[in-house]
N, C-alpha and C. Protein backbone atom coordinates (compact mmCIF):
# COMPACT_ATOMS: atom_id res chain seq x y z
N MET A 1 1.29 -1.09 0.09
CA MET A 1 -0.27 0.02 0.10
C MET A 1 0.80 1.64 0.29
N ALA A 2 0.05 2.26 -0.62
CA ALA A 2 1.26 3.90 -1.06
C ALA A 2 0.64 4.55 -0.06
N THR A 3 1.98 5.36 0.63
CA THR A 3 1.54 6.28 1.64
C THR A 3 1.82 7.11 0.52
N LEU A 4 1.10 8.74 1.40
CA LEU A 4 1.57 9.89 0.65
C LEU A 4 2.48 10.91 2.10
N ALA A 5 3.64 10.96 2.02
CA ALA A 5 4.34 11.48 2.91
C ALA A 5 4.12 13.11 3.24
N VAL A 6 3.78 13.52 4.25
CA VAL A 6 2.99 14.97 4.16
C VAL A 6 4.37 15.70 4.76
N GLU A 7 4.79 16.51 4.36
CA GLU A 7 6.30 17.50 4.72
C GLU A 7 6.33 17.97 6.12
N HIS A 8 7.26 17.76 6.52
CA HIS A 8 6.62 17.79 8.68
C HIS A 8 7.80 19.34 8.49
N HIS A 9 7.99 19.91 7.66
CA HIS A 9 8.65 21.24 7.78
C HIS A 9 7.94 22.19 6.26
N PRO A 10 6.53 22.20 6.40
CA PRO A 10 6.12 23.14 5.23
C PRO A 10 6.68 24.08 4.43
N LEU A 11 6.76 23.99 3.48
CA LEU A 11 7.04 24.87 2.47
C LEU A 11 6.45 25.72 1.51
N ALA A 12 6.72 26.94 1.46
CA ALA A 12 5.48 27.75 0.66
C ALA A 12 6.57 28.08 -0.77
N GLN A 13 5.06 27.87 -1.59
CA GLN A 13 5.72 28.38 -3.24
C GLN A 13 5.38 29.34 -3.69
N SER A 14 3.73 29.72 -3.26
CA SER A 14 3.00 30.62 -3.87
C SER A 14 2.18 31.15 -2.78
N VAL A 15 1.61 32.63 -3.06
CA VAL A 15 0.70 33.28 -2.05
C VAL A 15 -0.08 34.01 -3.16
N SER A 16 -0.96 33.80 -2.70
CA SER A 16 -2.69 34.48 -3.18
C SER A 16 -3.72 35.21 -2.17
N PHE A 17 -4.23 35.95 -3.09
CA PHE A 17 -5.68 36.30 -1.97
C PHE A 17 -6.50 36.44 -2.36
N ASP A 18 -7.94 36.55 -2.18
CA ASP A 18 -9.10 36.59 -2.72
C ASP A 18 -9.60 37.83 -1.64
N LEU A 19 -10.81 38.01 -1.64
CA LEU A 19 -11.63 39.15 -0.52
C LEU A 19 -11.25 38.93 0.40
N ASP A 20 -11.47 37.93 1.22
CA ASP A 20 -11.12 37.80 2.58
C ASP A 20 -9.94 36.85 2.69
N SER A 21 -9.23 36.24 2.15
CA SER A 21 -8.18 35.28 2.57
C SER A 21 -6.87 35.17 1.79
N LEU A 22 -6.08 34.89 2.84
CA LEU A 22 -4.92 34.65 2.73
C LEU A 22 -4.58 33.00 1.78
N ILE A 23 -4.12 32.87 0.74
CA ILE A 23 -3.95 31.29 0.26
C ILE A 23 -2.72 31.28 -0.04
N ILE A 24 -1.96 30.08 0.28
CA ILE A 24 -0.53 29.52 0.15
C ILE A 24 -0.42 28.11 -0.27
N GLU A 25 -0.22 28.62 -1.66
CA GLU A 25 0.42 27.05 -1.84
C GLU A 25 1.96 26.24 -1.29
N LEU A 26 1.69 24.92 -0.92
CA LEU A 26 2.67 24.26 -0.19
C LEU A 26 3.51 23.66 -1.53
N VAL A 27 4.59 23.48 -1.40
CA VAL A 27 5.40 22.69 -2.53
C VAL A 27 5.30 20.65 -2.28
N ASP A 28 4.18 20.88 -1.05
CA ASP A 28 3.91 19.16 -1.24
C ASP A 28 2.65 19.22 -1.63
N GLY A 29 1.92 20.14 -2.32
CA GLY A 29 0.33 19.97 -3.22
C GLY A 29 -0.01 20.57 -2.07
N ARG A 30 -0.17 20.68 -0.99
CA ARG A 30 -1.41 21.47 -0.39
C ARG A 30 -1.81 22.71 -0.28
N THR A 31 -3.10 23.34 0.12
CA THR A 31 -3.28 24.81 -0.29
C THR A 31 -3.59 25.46 1.61
N ILE A 32 -3.48 26.47 1.88
CA ILE A 32 -3.48 26.50 3.42
C ILE A 32 -4.37 27.65 2.94
N SER A 33 -5.44 28.14 3.18
CA SER A 33 -6.67 29.44 3.18
C SER A 33 -7.16 29.81 4.58
N VAL A 34 -6.35 30.93 5.12
CA VAL A 34 -6.82 31.29 5.95
C VAL A 34 -7.34 32.60 5.81
N PRO A 35 -8.55 33.40 7.19
CA PRO A 35 -8.64 34.80 6.87
C PRO A 35 -7.92 35.48 7.41
N LEU A 36 -8.00 36.77 6.09
CA LEU A 36 -6.80 37.43 6.58
C LEU A 36 -6.88 38.61 7.65
N THR A 37 -8.24 38.93 8.21
CA THR A 37 -8.35 39.60 9.45
C THR A 37 -7.74 38.59 10.57
N TRP A 38 -6.77 37.41 10.62
CA TRP A 38 -5.80 37.03 11.28
C TRP A 38 -4.67 38.11 11.37
N PHE A 39 -4.67 38.70 10.36
CA PHE A 39 -3.40 39.90 10.13
C PHE A 39 -3.71 41.12 9.90
N PRO A 40 -3.98 41.94 10.75
CA PRO A 40 -4.24 43.23 10.73
C PRO A 40 -3.95 43.82 9.60
N SER A 41 -2.36 43.86 9.28
CA SER A 41 -1.63 44.84 8.63
C SER A 41 -1.56 43.97 7.34
N LEU A 42 -2.08 42.74 6.82
CA LEU A 42 -2.56 42.46 5.88
C LEU A 42 -3.73 42.79 5.16
N SER A 43 -5.05 43.04 6.20
CA SER A 43 -6.10 43.17 6.16
C SER A 43 -6.37 44.83 5.46
N ARG A 44 -5.66 45.52 5.82
CA ARG A 44 -5.81 46.87 5.76
C ARG A 44 -4.57 46.93 4.67
N ALA A 45 -3.84 46.66 4.11
CA ALA A 45 -3.25 46.48 2.80
C ALA A 45 -3.52 46.95 1.67
N THR A 46 -3.12 47.72 0.98
CA THR A 46 -3.88 47.74 -0.87
C THR A 46 -3.30 46.30 -1.38
N GLU A 47 -3.60 46.78 -2.81
CA GLU A 47 -3.70 45.01 -3.57
C GLU A 47 -2.45 45.34 -3.80
N SER A 48 -1.84 46.39 -4.55
CA SER A 48 -0.54 46.22 -4.56
C SER A 48 0.66 46.42 -3.25
N GLN A 49 0.13 46.45 -2.40
CA GLN A 49 0.93 45.77 -1.08
C GLN A 49 1.00 44.51 -1.14
N LEU A 50 -0.09 43.84 -1.36
CA LEU A 50 -0.24 42.46 -0.94
C LEU A 50 0.46 41.60 -1.92
N LYS A 51 0.73 41.95 -2.85
CA LYS A 51 1.33 41.08 -4.26
C LYS A 51 2.24 41.84 -4.14
N ASP A 52 3.37 42.25 -3.33
CA ASP A 52 4.62 42.57 -3.55
C ASP A 52 4.92 41.49 -2.13
N TRP A 53 5.07 40.34 -1.94
CA TRP A 53 5.72 39.44 -0.82
C TRP A 53 6.69 38.72 -1.33
N GLU A 54 7.08 38.09 -0.53
CA GLU A 54 8.84 37.64 -1.17
C GLU A 54 8.99 35.99 -0.37
N ILE A 55 9.30 35.02 -0.92
CA ILE A 55 9.60 33.74 0.24
C ILE A 55 10.79 34.04 0.76
N LEU A 56 10.58 33.48 2.37
CA LEU A 56 12.11 33.44 2.86
C LEU A 56 12.56 32.16 3.18
N GLY A 57 13.70 32.16 3.11
CA GLY A 57 14.27 31.07 3.32
C GLY A 57 14.14 30.01 2.05
N ASP A 58 13.90 28.80 1.96
CA ASP A 58 13.42 27.75 1.13
C ASP A 58 11.99 27.68 1.22
N GLY A 59 11.04 28.63 1.62
CA GLY A 59 9.88 28.84 1.91
C GLY A 59 9.06 28.68 3.29
N GLU A 60 10.15 28.95 4.80
CA GLU A 60 9.61 28.52 5.70
C GLU A 60 8.54 29.82 5.88
N GLY A 61 8.72 30.87 5.23
CA GLY A 61 8.32 31.77 5.44
C GLY A 61 7.88 32.99 4.48
N ILE A 62 6.93 33.98 4.72
CA ILE A 62 6.69 34.86 3.74
C ILE A 62 6.81 35.98 4.32
N HIS A 63 7.40 37.02 3.11
CA HIS A 63 7.63 38.26 3.92
C HIS A 63 7.19 39.44 2.94
N TRP A 64 6.50 40.30 3.57
CA TRP A 64 5.94 41.46 2.64
C TRP A 64 6.88 42.99 2.91
N PRO A 65 7.41 43.39 1.90
CA PRO A 65 8.65 44.22 2.80
C PRO A 65 7.87 45.60 2.95
N GLN A 66 6.77 46.03 1.95
CA GLN A 66 6.44 47.15 2.08
C GLN A 66 5.27 47.48 3.32
N LEU A 67 4.97 46.00 4.35
CA LEU A 67 4.20 46.06 4.87
C LEU A 67 5.34 45.74 6.50
N ASP A 68 6.53 45.33 6.01
CA ASP A 68 7.52 44.46 7.60
C ASP A 68 6.55 43.87 8.06
N GLU A 69 5.76 43.02 7.39
CA GLU A 69 5.28 41.67 7.66
C GLU A 69 5.65 40.30 7.50
N ASP A 70 6.10 39.41 8.41
CA ASP A 70 6.48 38.22 8.43
C ASP A 70 5.87 37.36 8.95
N LEU A 71 5.73 35.71 8.05
CA LEU A 71 4.50 35.24 8.33
C LEU A 71 5.47 34.06 8.21
N SER A 72 4.99 32.97 9.31
CA SER A 72 5.82 31.88 9.32
C SER A 72 4.60 30.40 8.76
N VAL A 73 4.98 29.49 7.92
CA VAL A 73 3.61 28.64 7.28
C VAL A 73 4.02 27.96 7.94
N ASN A 74 4.94 27.34 9.10
CA ASN A 74 4.42 26.25 10.01
C ASN A 74 3.51 27.19 10.92
N GLY A 75 3.96 28.40 11.24
CA GLY A 75 3.03 28.51 12.58
C GLY A 75 1.32 28.86 12.41
N ILE A 76 1.10 29.12 10.56
CA ILE A 76 0.04 29.33 10.42
C ILE A 76 -0.67 28.14 10.38
N LEU A 77 0.07 26.90 9.99
CA LEU A 77 -0.46 25.17 10.01
C LEU A 77 -0.94 24.95 11.43
N LEU A 78 0.07 25.68 12.45
CA LEU A 78 -0.04 25.30 14.04
C LEU A 78 -1.50 26.69 14.72
N GLY A 79 -2.06 27.10 14.06
CA GLY A 79 -3.01 28.02 13.86
C GLY A 79 -2.96 29.33 14.80
N ASN A 80 -1.27 29.33 15.29
CA ASN A 80 -0.85 30.67 15.79
C ASN A 80 -1.00 32.33 15.21
N HIS A 81 -1.47 32.35 14.00
CA HIS A 81 -1.28 33.68 12.74
C HIS A 81 0.35 33.33 12.54
N GLY A 82 0.81 32.58 12.49
CA GLY A 82 1.96 32.47 11.54
C GLY A 82 3.02 33.53 11.97
N ARG A 83 2.93 34.53 12.91
CA ARG A 83 4.08 35.62 13.28
C ARG A 83 5.21 34.60 13.59
N ARG A 84 6.26 35.34 12.81
CA ARG A 84 7.83 35.09 13.28
C ARG A 84 8.38 35.44 14.01
């Protein structure tokens, strides 16, 4: 029987948004979607500011330079709102 390994150290590969959510695609194929209201600086940001993001390290986190906001992918998965 084949099993699918779940990444123990989840890594982001891309970020997108809809009206209410931050959506993170992980390298292992999973998608995380969390409310933007979890992150006040993101929920108040302009579309341009939201689209200006960078992957930190190998994908352990996400950084928004215009907002000086860093989020940890593992932290988001653990439900602690991802603050680094």
